[in-house]
Amino acid sequence: MIDGSKEPFFAKRRKHERKPYFSAVDYSVQDGTFTDFIHNISAGGVFIGTGTPFLAGEEVSMVFPLPISRQQIRITGEIAWVSDMGIGVKFKMTRDRQKTMIKGLVELI
């Protein structure tokens, strides 16, 4: 925390507000495939709870379901930060459809 604020210092640097969102996620990093849970989401990324050690800068390919539909979103990202609780992943949106799906999901929550 900085200056007596109740928010961690990195929360003030975020462009997008994070919202609680608990969902299973299948993801790949390098040669490994994993299943864990997303704990929160924003228009810019997700926090995945995991005990697996990763490094910031590694690319992640993710697949997770969208609520109230049978669709899944496939999206890549980059590990922005690592903690003992999990990883913060910044989305790499390569298609307008991905942006629309993520924006719709965040607005729905």
PDB file of N, CA and C in Angstrom:
ATOM      1  N   MET A   1       0.837  -1.192   0.000  1.00  0.00           N
ATOM      2  CA  MET A   1       0.000   0.000   0.000  1.00  0.00           C
ATOM      3  C   MET A   1       0.875   1.245   0.000  1.00  0.00           C
ATOM      4  N   ILE A   2       0.320   2.289  -0.547  1.00  0.00           N
ATOM      5  CA  ILE A   2       1.035   3.559  -0.613  1.00  0.00           C
ATOM      6  C   ILE A   2       0.182   4.646   0.038  1.00  0.00           C
ATOM      7  N   ASP A   3       0.818   5.557   0.698  1.00  0.00           N
ATOM      8  CA  ASP A   3       0.152   6.743   1.244  1.00  0.00           C
ATOM      9  C   ASP A   3      -1.085   6.413   2.077  1.00  0.00           C
ATOM     10  N   GLY A   4      -1.068   5.320   2.830  1.00  0.00           N
ATOM     11  CA  GLY A   4      -2.204   4.973   3.679  1.00  0.00           C
ATOM     12  C   GLY A   4      -3.412   4.457   2.915  1.00  0.00           C
ATOM     13  N   SER A   5      -3.300   4.294   1.621  1.00  0.00           N
ATOM     14  CA  SER A   5      -4.403   3.793   0.811  1.00  0.00           C
ATOM     15  C   SER A   5      -4.703   2.354   1.183  1.00  0.00           C
ATOM     16  N   LYS A   6      -5.945   1.941   1.008  1.00  0.00           N
ATOM     17  CA  LYS A   6      -6.325   0.564   1.280  1.00  0.00           C
ATOM     18  C   LYS A   6      -6.125  -0.326   0.065  1.00  0.00           C
ATOM     19  N   GLU A   7      -5.788   0.257  -1.079  1.00  0.00           N
ATOM     20  CA  GLU A   7      -5.564  -0.517  -2.294  1.00  0.00           C
ATOM     21  C   GLU A   7      -4.082  -0.819  -2.442  1.00  0.00           C
ATOM     22  N   PRO A   8      -3.754  -2.028  -2.954  1.00  0.00           N
ATOM     23  CA  PRO A   8      -2.349  -2.301  -3.257  1.00  0.00           C
ATOM     24  C   PRO A   8      -1.860  -1.317  -4.320  1.00  0.00           C
ATOM     25  N   PHE A   9      -0.575  -1.041  -4.328  1.00  0.00           N
ATOM     26  CA  PHE A   9      -0.033  -0.038  -5.253  1.00  0.00           C
ATOM     27  C   PHE A   9      -0.318  -0.367  -6.710  1.00  0.00           C
ATOM     28  N   PHE A  10      -0.301  -1.671  -7.102  1.00  0.00           N
ATOM     29  CA  PHE A  10      -0.496  -2.001  -8.512  1.00  0.00           C
ATOM     30  C   PHE A  10      -1.937  -1.794  -8.959  1.00  0.00           C
ATOM     31  N   ALA A  11      -2.889  -1.793  -8.038  1.00  0.00           N
ATOM     32  CA  ALA A  11      -4.292  -1.592  -8.411  1.00  0.00           C
ATOM     33  C   ALA A  11      -4.502  -0.194  -8.988  1.00  0.00           C
ATOM     34  N   LYS A  12      -3.733   0.773  -8.538  1.00  0.00           N
ATOM     35  CA  LYS A  12      -3.884   2.140  -9.037  1.00  0.00           C
ATOM     36  C   LYS A  12      -3.352   2.284 -10.460  1.00  0.00           C
ATOM     37  N   ARG A  13      -2.464   1.373 -10.883  1.00  0.00           N
ATOM     38  CA  ARG A  13      -1.896   1.444 -12.222  1.00  0.00           C
ATOM     39  C   ARG A  13      -2.788   0.780 -13.265  1.00  0.00           C
ATOM     40  N   ARG A  14      -3.789   0.043 -12.855  1.00  0.00           N
ATOM     41  CA  ARG A  14      -4.630  -0.682 -13.796  1.00  0.00           C
ATOM     42  C   ARG A  14      -5.491   0.257 -14.611  1.00  0.00           C
ATOM     43  N   LYS A  15      -5.631  -0.079 -15.886  1.00  0.00           N
ATOM     44  CA  LYS A  15      -6.498   0.687 -16.777  1.00  0.00           C
ATOM     45  C   LYS A  15      -7.950   0.275 -16.614  1.00  0.00           C
ATOM     46  N   HIS A  16      -8.173  -0.985 -16.220  1.00  0.00           N
ATOM     47  CA  HIS A  16      -9.519  -1.539 -16.169  1.00  0.00           C
ATOM     48  C   HIS A  16      -9.839  -2.066 -14.771  1.00  0.00           C
ATOM     49  N   GLU A  17     -11.049  -1.815 -14.336  1.00  0.00           N
ATOM     50  CA  GLU A  17     -11.501  -2.308 -13.038  1.00  0.00           C
ATOM     51  C   GLU A  17     -11.669  -3.822 -13.078  1.00  0.00           C
ATOM     52  N   ARG A  18     -11.139  -4.493 -12.076  1.00  0.00           N
ATOM     53  CA  ARG A  18     -11.296  -5.944 -11.975  1.00  0.00           C
ATOM     54  C   ARG A  18     -12.594  -6.251 -11.251  1.00  0.00           C
ATOM     55  N   LYS A  19     -13.246  -7.331 -11.720  1.00  0.00           N
ATOM     56  CA  LYS A  19     -14.487  -7.764 -11.097  1.00  0.00           C
ATOM     57  C   LYS A  19     -14.348  -9.225 -10.693  1.00  0.00           C
ATOM     58  N   PRO A  20     -14.941  -9.604  -9.552  1.00  0.00           N
ATOM     59  CA  PRO A  20     -14.876 -11.012  -9.151  1.00  0.00           C
ATOM     60  C   PRO A  20     -15.525 -11.891 -10.221  1.00  0.00           C
ATOM     61  N   TYR A  21     -14.860 -12.970 -10.551  1.00  0.00           N
ATOM     62  CA  TYR A  21     -15.378 -13.904 -11.548  1.00  0.00           C
ATOM     63  C   TYR A  21     -14.694 -15.235 -11.309  1.00  0.00           C
ATOM     64  N   PHE A  22     -15.461 -16.237 -10.898  1.00  0.00           N
ATOM     65  CA  PHE A  22     -14.888 -17.538 -10.592  1.00  0.00           C
ATOM     66  C   PHE A  22     -15.292 -18.509 -11.688  1.00  0.00           C
ATOM     67  N   SER A  23     -14.308 -18.958 -12.457  1.00  0.00           N
ATOM     68  CA  SER A  23     -14.570 -19.849 -13.580  1.00  0.00           C
ATOM     69  C   SER A  23     -13.361 -20.737 -13.830  1.00  0.00           C
ATOM     70  N   ALA A  24     -13.622 -21.985 -14.197  1.00  0.00           N
ATOM     71  CA  ALA A  24     -12.532 -22.869 -14.602  1.00  0.00           C
ATOM     72  C   ALA A  24     -11.892 -22.326 -15.870  1.00  0.00           C
ATOM     73  N   VAL A  25     -10.599 -22.530 -16.001  1.00  0.00           N
ATOM     74  CA  VAL A  25      -9.868 -22.116 -17.203  1.00  0.00           C
ATOM     75  C   VAL A  25      -8.857 -23.201 -17.541  1.00  0.00           C
ATOM     76  N   ASP A  26      -8.841 -23.583 -18.799  1.00  0.00           N
ATOM     77  CA  ASP A  26      -7.796 -24.471 -19.316  1.00  0.00           C
ATOM     78  C   ASP A  26      -6.788 -23.567 -20.001  1.00  0.00           C
ATOM     79  N   TYR A  27      -5.514 -23.763 -19.715  1.00  0.00           N
ATOM     80  CA  TYR A  27      -4.512 -22.890 -20.315  1.00  0.00           C
ATOM     81  C   TYR A  27      -3.205 -23.617 -20.545  1.00  0.00           C
ATOM     82  N   SER A  28      -2.454 -23.109 -21.497  1.00  0.00           N
ATOM     83  CA  SER A  28      -1.155 -23.673 -21.839  1.00  0.00           C
ATOM     84  C   SER A  28      -0.096 -22.604 -21.702  1.00  0.00           C
ATOM     85  N   VAL A  29       1.024 -22.995 -21.126  1.00  0.00           N
ATOM     86  CA  VAL A  29       2.193 -22.134 -21.012  1.00  0.00           C
ATOM     87  C   VAL A  29       3.379 -22.987 -21.439  1.00  0.00           C
ATOM     88  N   GLN A  30       4.083 -22.538 -22.437  1.00  0.00           N
ATOM     89  CA  GLN A  30       5.184 -23.300 -23.045  1.00  0.00           C
ATOM     90  C   GLN A  30       4.667 -24.687 -23.422  1.00  0.00           C
ATOM     91  N   ASP A  31       5.257 -25.747 -22.883  1.00  0.00           N
ATOM     92  CA  ASP A  31       4.856 -27.105 -23.251  1.00  0.00           C
ATOM     93  C   ASP A  31       3.865 -27.733 -22.277  1.00  0.00           C
ATOM     94  N   GLY A  32       3.400 -26.985 -21.289  1.00  0.00           N
ATOM     95  CA  GLY A  32       2.502 -27.543 -20.283  1.00  0.00           C
ATOM     96  C   GLY A  32       1.069 -27.084 -20.446  1.00  0.00           C
ATOM     97  N   THR A  33       0.138 -27.960 -20.089  1.00  0.00           N
ATOM     98  CA  THR A  33      -1.287 -27.633 -20.104  1.00  0.00           C
ATOM     99  C   THR A  33      -1.807 -27.783 -18.679  1.00  0.00           C
ATOM    100  N   PHE A  34      -2.636 -26.814 -18.257  1.00  0.00           N
ATOM    101  CA  PHE A  34      -3.090 -26.746 -16.874  1.00  0.00           C
ATOM    102  C   PHE A  34      -4.579 -26.426 -16.817  1.00  0.00           C
ATOM    103  N   THR A  35      -5.207 -26.779 -15.705  1.00  0.00           N
ATOM    104  CA  THR A  35      -6.577 -26.376 -15.415  1.00  0.00           C
ATOM    105  C   THR A  35      -6.575 -25.786 -14.015  1.00  0.00           C
ATOM    106  N   ASP A  36      -7.029 -24.546 -13.904  1.00  0.00           N
ATOM    107  CA  ASP A  36      -7.135 -23.862 -12.611  1.00  0.00           C
ATOM    108  C   ASP A  36      -8.387 -23.004 -12.664  1.00  0.00           C
ATOM    109  N   PHE A  37      -8.449 -21.988 -11.812  1.00  0.00           N
ATOM    110  CA  PHE A  37      -9.628 -21.135 -11.761  1.00  0.00           C
ATOM    111  C   PHE A  37      -9.272 -19.667 -11.898  1.00  0.00           C
ATOM    112  N   ILE A  38     -10.069 -18.965 -12.710  1.00  0.00           N
ATOM    113  CA  ILE A  38     -10.010 -17.516 -12.777  1.00  0.00           C
ATOM    114  C   ILE A  38     -10.693 -17.001 -11.516  1.00  0.00           C
ATOM    115  N   HIS A  39     -10.089 -16.025 -10.850  1.00  0.00           N
ATOM    116  CA  HIS A  39     -10.674 -15.440  -9.642  1.00  0.00           C
ATOM    117  C   HIS A  39     -11.281 -14.071  -9.906  1.00  0.00           C
ATOM    118  N   ASN A  40     -10.701 -13.336 -10.869  1.00  0.00           N
ATOM    119  CA  ASN A  40     -11.286 -12.055 -11.256  1.00  0.00           C
ATOM    120  C   ASN A  40     -10.900 -11.741 -12.693  1.00  0.00           C
ATOM    121  N   ILE A  41     -11.653 -10.793 -13.270  1.00  0.00           N
ATOM    122  CA  ILE A  41     -11.477 -10.468 -14.686  1.00  0.00           C
ATOM    123  C   ILE A  41     -11.705  -8.983 -14.897  1.00  0.00           C
ATOM    124  N   SER A  42     -11.090  -8.459 -15.941  1.00  0.00           N
ATOM    125  CA  SER A  42     -11.340  -7.087 -16.383  1.00  0.00           C
ATOM    126  C   SER A  42     -11.273  -7.093 -17.898  1.00  0.00           C
ATOM    127  N   ALA A  43     -11.514  -5.957 -18.507  1.00  0.00           N
ATOM    128  CA  ALA A  43     -11.413  -5.866 -19.956  1.00  0.00           C
ATOM    129  C   ALA A  43      -9.975  -6.071 -20.422  1.00  0.00           C
ATOM    130  N   GLY A  44      -9.026  -5.978 -19.502  1.00  0.00           N
ATOM    131  CA  GLY A  44      -7.623  -6.103 -19.867  1.00  0.00           C
ATOM    132  C   GLY A  44      -6.953  -7.416 -19.511  1.00  0.00           C
ATOM    133  N   GLY A  45      -7.586  -8.225 -18.625  1.00  0.00           N
ATOM    134  CA  GLY A  45      -6.933  -9.470 -18.242  1.00  0.00           C
ATOM    135  C   GLY A  45      -7.653 -10.209 -17.137  1.00  0.00           C
ATOM    136  N   VAL A  46      -6.978 -11.253 -16.633  1.00  0.00           N
ATOM    137  CA  VAL A  46      -7.542 -12.109 -15.588  1.00  0.00           C
ATOM    138  C   VAL A  46      -6.488 -12.407 -14.537  1.00  0.00           C
ATOM    139  N   PHE A  47      -6.971 -12.816 -13.369  1.00  0.00           N
ATOM    140  CA  PHE A  47      -6.100 -13.387 -12.346  1.00  0.00           C
ATOM    141  C   PHE A  47      -6.457 -14.858 -12.252  1.00  0.00           C
ATOM    142  N   ILE A  48      -5.462 -15.725 -12.443  1.00  0.00           N
ATOM    143  CA  ILE A  48      -5.648 -17.170 -12.344  1.00  0.00           C
ATOM    144  C   ILE A  48      -4.962 -17.643 -11.076  1.00  0.00           C
ATOM    145  N   GLY A  49      -5.732 -18.271 -10.206  1.00  0.00           N
ATOM    146  CA  GLY A  49      -5.166 -18.847  -8.997  1.00  0.00           C
ATOM    147  C   GLY A  49      -4.447 -20.137  -9.345  1.00  0.00           C
ATOM    148  N   THR A  50      -3.173 -20.216  -8.983  1.00  0.00           N
ATOM    149  CA  THR A  50      -2.387 -21.418  -9.269  1.00  0.00           C
ATOM    150  C   THR A  50      -1.187 -21.490  -8.340  1.00  0.00           C
ATOM    151  N   GLY A  51      -0.758 -22.684  -8.059  1.00  0.00           N
ATOM    152  CA  GLY A  51       0.455 -22.894  -7.284  1.00  0.00           C
ATOM    153  C   GLY A  51       1.629 -23.260  -8.168  1.00  0.00           C
ATOM    154  N   THR A  52       1.383 -23.347  -9.476  1.00  0.00           N
ATOM    155  CA  THR A  52       2.437 -23.686 -10.425  1.00  0.00           C
ATOM    156  C   THR A  52       3.335 -22.474 -10.647  1.00  0.00           C
ATOM    157  N   PRO A  53       4.637 -22.658 -10.579  1.00  0.00           N
ATOM    158  CA  PRO A  53       5.536 -21.511 -10.787  1.00  0.00           C
ATOM    159  C   PRO A  53       5.649 -21.130 -12.263  1.00  0.00           C
ATOM    160  N   PHE A  54       5.414 -19.877 -12.556  1.00  0.00           N
ATOM    161  CA  PHE A  54       5.558 -19.326 -13.896  1.00  0.00           C
ATOM    162  C   PHE A  54       6.422 -18.080 -13.816  1.00  0.00           C
ATOM    163  N   LEU A  55       6.800 -17.569 -14.971  1.00  0.00           N
ATOM    164  CA  LEU A  55       7.600 -16.355 -15.042  1.00  0.00           C
ATOM    165  C   LEU A  55       6.830 -15.255 -15.757  1.00  0.00           C
ATOM    166  N   ALA A  56       6.973 -14.034 -15.292  1.00  0.00           N
ATOM    167  CA  ALA A  56       6.388 -12.892 -15.992  1.00  0.00           C
ATOM    168  C   ALA A  56       6.966 -12.859 -17.401  1.00  0.00           C
ATOM    169  N   GLY A  57       6.100 -12.529 -18.364  1.00  0.00           N
ATOM    170  CA  GLY A  57       6.523 -12.454 -19.758  1.00  0.00           C
ATOM    171  C   GLY A  57       6.186 -13.697 -20.562  1.00  0.00           C
ATOM    172  N   GLU A  58       5.861 -14.796 -19.895  1.00  0.00           N
ATOM    173  CA  GLU A  58       5.515 -16.014 -20.624  1.00  0.00           C
ATOM    174  C   GLU A  58       4.147 -15.855 -21.289  1.00  0.00           C
ATOM    175  N   GLU A  59       4.008 -16.428 -22.494  1.00  0.00           N
ATOM    176  CA  GLU A  59       2.739 -16.376 -23.211  1.00  0.00           C
ATOM    177  C   GLU A  59       1.816 -17.477 -22.714  1.00  0.00           C
ATOM    178  N   VAL A  60       0.516 -17.145 -22.647  1.00  0.00           N
ATOM    179  CA  VAL A  60      -0.500 -18.067 -22.147  1.00  0.00           C
ATOM    180  C   VAL A  60      -1.610 -18.165 -23.182  1.00  0.00           C
ATOM    181  N   SER A  61      -2.037 -19.387 -23.498  1.00  0.00           N
ATOM    182  CA  SER A  61      -3.218 -19.610 -24.336  1.00  0.00           C
ATOM    183  C   SER A  61      -4.309 -20.138 -23.420  1.00  0.00           C
ATOM    184  N   MET A  62      -5.465 -19.462 -23.395  1.00  0.00           N
ATOM    185  CA  MET A  62      -6.536 -19.798 -22.452  1.00  0.00           C
ATOM    186  C   MET A  62      -7.839 -20.129 -23.166  1.00  0.00           C
ATOM    187  N   VAL A  63      -8.627 -20.996 -22.527  1.00  0.00           N
ATOM    188  CA  VAL A  63      -9.983 -21.302 -22.969  1.00  0.00           C
ATOM    189  C   VAL A  63     -10.839 -21.350 -21.716  1.00  0.00           C
ATOM    190  N   PHE A  64     -11.942 -20.552 -21.717  1.00  0.00           N
ATOM    191  CA  PHE A  64     -12.863 -20.607 -20.584  1.00  0.00           C
ATOM    192  C   PHE A  64     -14.277 -20.323 -21.070  1.00  0.00           C
ATOM    193  N   PRO A  65     -15.275 -20.867 -20.333  1.00  0.00           N
ATOM    194  CA  PRO A  65     -16.665 -20.716 -20.764  1.00  0.00           C
ATOM    195  C   PRO A  65     -17.210 -19.321 -20.475  1.00  0.00           C
ATOM    196  N   LEU A  66     -18.178 -18.937 -21.291  1.00  0.00           N
ATOM    197  CA  LEU A  66     -18.901 -17.694 -21.062  1.00  0.00           C
ATOM    198  C   LEU A  66     -20.205 -18.033 -20.362  1.00  0.00           C
ATOM    199  N   PRO A  67     -20.585 -17.270 -19.342  1.00  0.00           N
ATOM    200  CA  PRO A  67     -21.831 -17.570 -18.641  1.00  0.00           C
ATOM    201  C   PRO A  67     -23.037 -17.351 -19.557  1.00  0.00           C
ATOM    202  N   ILE A  68     -24.101 -18.017 -19.227  1.00  0.00           N
ATOM    203  CA  ILE A  68     -25.387 -17.982 -19.936  1.00  0.00           C
ATOM    204  C   ILE A  68     -25.277 -18.229 -21.443  1.00  0.00           C
ATOM    205  N   SER A  69     -24.267 -18.964 -21.836  1.00  0.00           N
ATOM    206  CA  SER A  69     -24.177 -19.416 -23.218  1.00  0.00           C
ATOM    207  C   SER A  69     -23.354 -20.690 -23.219  1.00  0.00           C
ATOM    208  N   ARG A  70     -23.362 -21.360 -24.307  1.00  0.00           N
ATOM    209  CA  ARG A  70     -22.555 -22.578 -24.408  1.00  0.00           C
ATOM    210  C   ARG A  70     -21.248 -22.304 -25.130  1.00  0.00           C
ATOM    211  N   GLN A  71     -20.949 -21.042 -25.307  1.00  0.00           N
ATOM    212  CA  GLN A  71     -19.719 -20.660 -25.995  1.00  0.00           C
ATOM    213  C   GLN A  71     -18.539 -20.648 -25.038  1.00  0.00           C
ATOM    214  N   GLN A  72     -17.371 -20.806 -25.619  1.00  0.00           N
ATOM    215  CA  GLN A  72     -16.128 -20.638 -24.887  1.00  0.00           C
ATOM    216  C   GLN A  72     -15.315 -19.575 -25.611  1.00  0.00           C
ATOM    217  N   ILE A  73     -14.506 -18.890 -24.848  1.00  0.00           N
ATOM    218  CA  ILE A  73     -13.613 -17.922 -25.469  1.00  0.00           C
ATOM    219  C   ILE A  73     -12.209 -18.505 -25.465  1.00  0.00           C
ATOM    220  N   ARG A  74     -11.545 -18.359 -26.586  1.00  0.00           N
ATOM    221  CA  ARG A  74     -10.137 -18.742 -26.734  1.00  0.00           C
ATOM    222  C   ARG A  74      -9.358 -17.448 -26.929  1.00  0.00           C
ATOM    223  N   ILE A  75      -8.381 -17.257 -26.054  1.00  0.00           N
ATOM    224  CA  ILE A  75      -7.640 -15.997 -26.088  1.00  0.00           C
ATOM    225  C   ILE A  75      -6.224 -16.215 -25.575  1.00  0.00           C
ATOM    226  N   THR A  76      -5.302 -15.446 -26.081  1.00  0.00           N
ATOM    227  CA  THR A  76      -3.934 -15.525 -25.590  1.00  0.00           C
ATOM    228  C   THR A  76      -3.656 -14.319 -24.695  1.00  0.00           C
ATOM    229  N   GLY A  77      -2.615 -14.443 -23.928  1.00  0.00           N
ATOM    230  CA  GLY A  77      -2.214 -13.359 -23.049  1.00  0.00           C
ATOM    231  C   GLY A  77      -0.759 -13.506 -22.664  1.00  0.00           C
ATOM    232  N   GLU A  78      -0.322 -12.585 -21.850  1.00  0.00           N
ATOM    233  CA  GLU A  78       1.047 -12.603 -21.345  1.00  0.00           C
ATOM    234  C   GLU A  78       0.998 -12.475 -19.831  1.00  0.00           C
ATOM    235  N   ILE A  79       1.780 -13.286 -19.147  1.00  0.00           N
ATOM    236  CA  ILE A  79       1.838 -13.191 -17.687  1.00  0.00           C
ATOM    237  C   ILE A  79       2.479 -11.853 -17.331  1.00  0.00           C
ATOM    238  N   ALA A  80       1.691 -11.001 -16.699  1.00  0.00           N
ATOM    239  CA  ALA A  80       2.152  -9.653 -16.336  1.00  0.00           C
ATOM    240  C   ALA A  80       2.837  -9.644 -14.979  1.00  0.00           C
ATOM    241  N   TRP A  81       2.351 -10.493 -14.074  1.00  0.00           N
ATOM    242  CA  TRP A  81       2.952 -10.566 -12.742  1.00  0.00           C
ATOM    243  C   TRP A  81       2.653 -11.925 -12.115  1.00  0.00           C
ATOM    244  N   VAL A  82       3.465 -12.291 -11.148  1.00  0.00           N
ATOM    245  CA  VAL A  82       3.371 -13.588 -10.485  1.00  0.00           C
ATOM    246  C   VAL A  82       3.387 -13.370  -8.983  1.00  0.00           C
ATOM    247  N   SER A  83       2.539 -14.107  -8.256  1.00  0.00           N
ATOM    248  CA  SER A  83       2.565 -14.085  -6.792  1.00  0.00           C
ATOM    249  C   SER A  83       2.457 -15.520  -6.296  1.00  0.00           C
ATOM    250  N   ASP A  84       2.539 -15.699  -4.996  1.00  0.00           N
ATOM    251  CA  ASP A  84       2.383 -17.055  -4.453  1.00  0.00           C
ATOM    252  C   ASP A  84       0.937 -17.541  -4.553  1.00  0.00           C
ATOM    253  N   MET A  85       0.015 -16.662  -4.890  1.00  0.00           N
ATOM    254  CA  MET A  85      -1.397 -17.021  -5.027  1.00  0.00           C
ATOM    255  C   MET A  85      -1.778 -17.335  -6.479  1.00  0.00           C
ATOM    256  N   GLY A  86      -0.977 -16.867  -7.447  1.00  0.00           N
ATOM    257  CA  GLY A  86      -1.326 -17.104  -8.847  1.00  0.00           C
ATOM    258  C   GLY A  86      -0.648 -16.137  -9.789  1.00  0.00           C
ATOM    259  N   ILE A  87      -1.288 -15.955 -10.959  1.00  0.00           N
ATOM    260  CA  ILE A  87      -0.695 -15.121 -12.006  1.00  0.00           C
ATOM    261  C   ILE A  87      -1.696 -14.106 -12.539  1.00  0.00           C
ATOM    262  N   GLY A  88      -1.211 -12.914 -12.817  1.00  0.00           N
ATOM    263  CA  GLY A  88      -1.990 -11.891 -13.491  1.00  0.00           C
ATOM    264  C   GLY A  88      -1.657 -11.958 -14.972  1.00  0.00           C
ATOM    265  N   VAL A  89      -2.679 -12.164 -15.801  1.00  0.00           N
ATOM    266  CA  VAL A  89      -2.463 -12.319 -17.236  1.00  0.00           C
ATOM    267  C   VAL A  89      -3.115 -11.159 -17.983  1.00  0.00           C
ATOM    268  N   LYS A  90      -2.341 -10.505 -18.825  1.00  0.00           N
ATOM    269  CA  LYS A  90      -2.848  -9.418 -19.662  1.00  0.00           C
ATOM    270  C   LYS A  90      -3.258 -10.005 -21.004  1.00  0.00           C
ATOM    271  N   PHE A  91      -4.505  -9.735 -21.420  1.00  0.00           N
ATOM    272  CA  PHE A  91      -4.993 -10.257 -22.694  1.00  0.00           C
ATOM    273  C   PHE A  91      -4.230  -9.667 -23.869  1.00  0.00           C
ATOM    274  N   LYS A  92      -4.043 -10.492 -24.894  1.00  0.00           N
ATOM    275  CA  LYS A  92      -3.557 -10.054 -26.202  1.00  0.00           C
ATOM    276  C   LYS A  92      -4.719 -10.279 -27.154  1.00  0.00           C
ATOM    277  N   MET A  93      -5.514  -9.268 -27.351  1.00  0.00           N
ATOM    278  CA  MET A  93      -6.698  -9.393 -28.196  1.00  0.00           C
ATOM    279  C   MET A  93      -6.282  -9.282 -29.656  1.00  0.00           C
ATOM    280  N   THR A  94      -6.504 -10.356 -30.390  1.00  0.00           N
ATOM    281  CA  THR A  94      -6.099 -10.370 -31.790  1.00  0.00           C
ATOM    282  C   THR A  94      -7.285 -10.224 -32.733  1.00  0.00           C
ATOM    283  N   ARG A  95      -8.497 -10.367 -32.200  1.00  0.00           N
ATOM    284  CA  ARG A  95      -9.690 -10.264 -33.050  1.00  0.00           C
ATOM    285  C   ARG A  95     -10.743  -9.396 -32.363  1.00  0.00           C
ATOM    286  N   ASP A  96     -11.516  -8.678 -33.163  1.00  0.00           N
ATOM    287  CA  ASP A  96     -12.590  -7.841 -32.621  1.00  0.00           C
ATOM    288  C   ASP A  96     -13.601  -8.681 -31.850  1.00  0.00           C
ATOM    289  N   ARG A  97     -13.856  -9.896 -32.314  1.00  0.00           N
ATOM    290  CA  ARG A  97     -14.810 -10.782 -31.634  1.00  0.00           C
ATOM    291  C   ARG A  97     -14.372 -11.052 -30.192  1.00  0.00           C
ATOM    292  N   GLN A  98     -13.080 -11.221 -29.973  1.00  0.00           N
ATOM    293  CA  GLN A  98     -12.573 -11.438 -28.616  1.00  0.00           C
ATOM    294  C   GLN A  98     -12.847 -10.214 -27.741  1.00  0.00           C
ATOM    295  N   LYS A  99     -12.576  -9.038 -28.280  1.00  0.00           N
ATOM    296  CA  LYS A  99     -12.829  -7.806 -27.529  1.00  0.00           C
ATOM    297  C   LYS A  99     -14.300  -7.701 -27.150  1.00  0.00           C
ATOM    298  N   THR A 100     -15.173  -8.003 -28.111  1.00  0.00           N
ATOM    299  CA  THR A 100     -16.614  -7.922 -27.875  1.00  0.00           C
ATOM    300  C   THR A 100     -17.048  -8.917 -26.805  1.00  0.00           C
ATOM    301  N   MET A 101     -16.525 -10.141 -26.879  1.00  0.00           N
ATOM    302  CA  MET A 101     -16.899 -11.174 -25.902  1.00  0.00           C
ATOM    303  C   MET A 101     -16.427 -10.808 -24.497  1.00  0.00           C
ATOM    304  N   ILE A 102     -15.195 -10.357 -24.376  1.00  0.00           N
ATOM    305  CA  ILE A 102     -14.660  -9.987 -23.064  1.00  0.00           C
ATOM    306  C   ILE A 102     -15.407  -8.783 -22.503  1.00  0.00           C
ATOM    307  N   LYS A 103     -15.615  -7.774 -23.331  1.00  0.00           N
ATOM    308  CA  LYS A 103     -16.340  -6.575 -22.885  1.00  0.00           C
ATOM    309  C   LYS A 103     -17.742  -6.948 -22.416  1.00  0.00           C
ATOM    310  N   GLY A 104     -18.446  -7.795 -23.185  1.00  0.00           N
ATOM    311  CA  GLY A 104     -19.783  -8.238 -22.801  1.00  0.00           C
ATOM    312  C   GLY A 104     -19.785  -9.001 -21.487  1.00  0.00           C
ATOM    313  N   LEU A 105     -18.799  -9.861 -21.299  1.00  0.00           N
ATOM    314  CA  LEU A 105     -18.694 -10.632 -20.056  1.00  0.00           C
ATOM    315  C   LEU A 105     -18.489  -9.713 -18.868  1.00  0.00           C
ATOM    316  N   VAL A 106     -17.541  -8.776 -18.976  1.00  0.00           N
ATOM    317  CA  VAL A 106     -17.244  -7.870 -17.866  1.00  0.00           C
ATOM    318  C   VAL A 106     -18.461  -6.998 -17.540  1.00  0.00           C
ATOM    319  N   GLU A 107     -19.174  -6.540 -18.560  1.00  0.00           N
ATOM    320  CA  GLU A 107     -20.373  -5.715 -18.327  1.00  0.00           C
ATOM    321  C   GLU A 107     -21.478  -6.530 -17.671  1.00  0.00           C
ATOM    322  N   LEU A 108     -21.548  -7.822 -17.963  1.00  0.00           N
ATOM    323  CA  LEU A 108     -22.576  -8.699 -17.413  1.00  0.00           C
ATOM    324  C   LEU A 108     -22.391  -8.935 -15.916  1.00  0.00           C
ATOM    325  N   ILE A 109     -21.144  -8.928 -15.471  1.00  0.00           N
ATOM    326  CA  ILE A 109     -20.837  -9.239 -14.070  1.00  0.00           C
ATOM    327  C   ILE A 109     -21.238  -8.084 -13.167  1.00  0.00           C
TER     328      ILE A 109
END
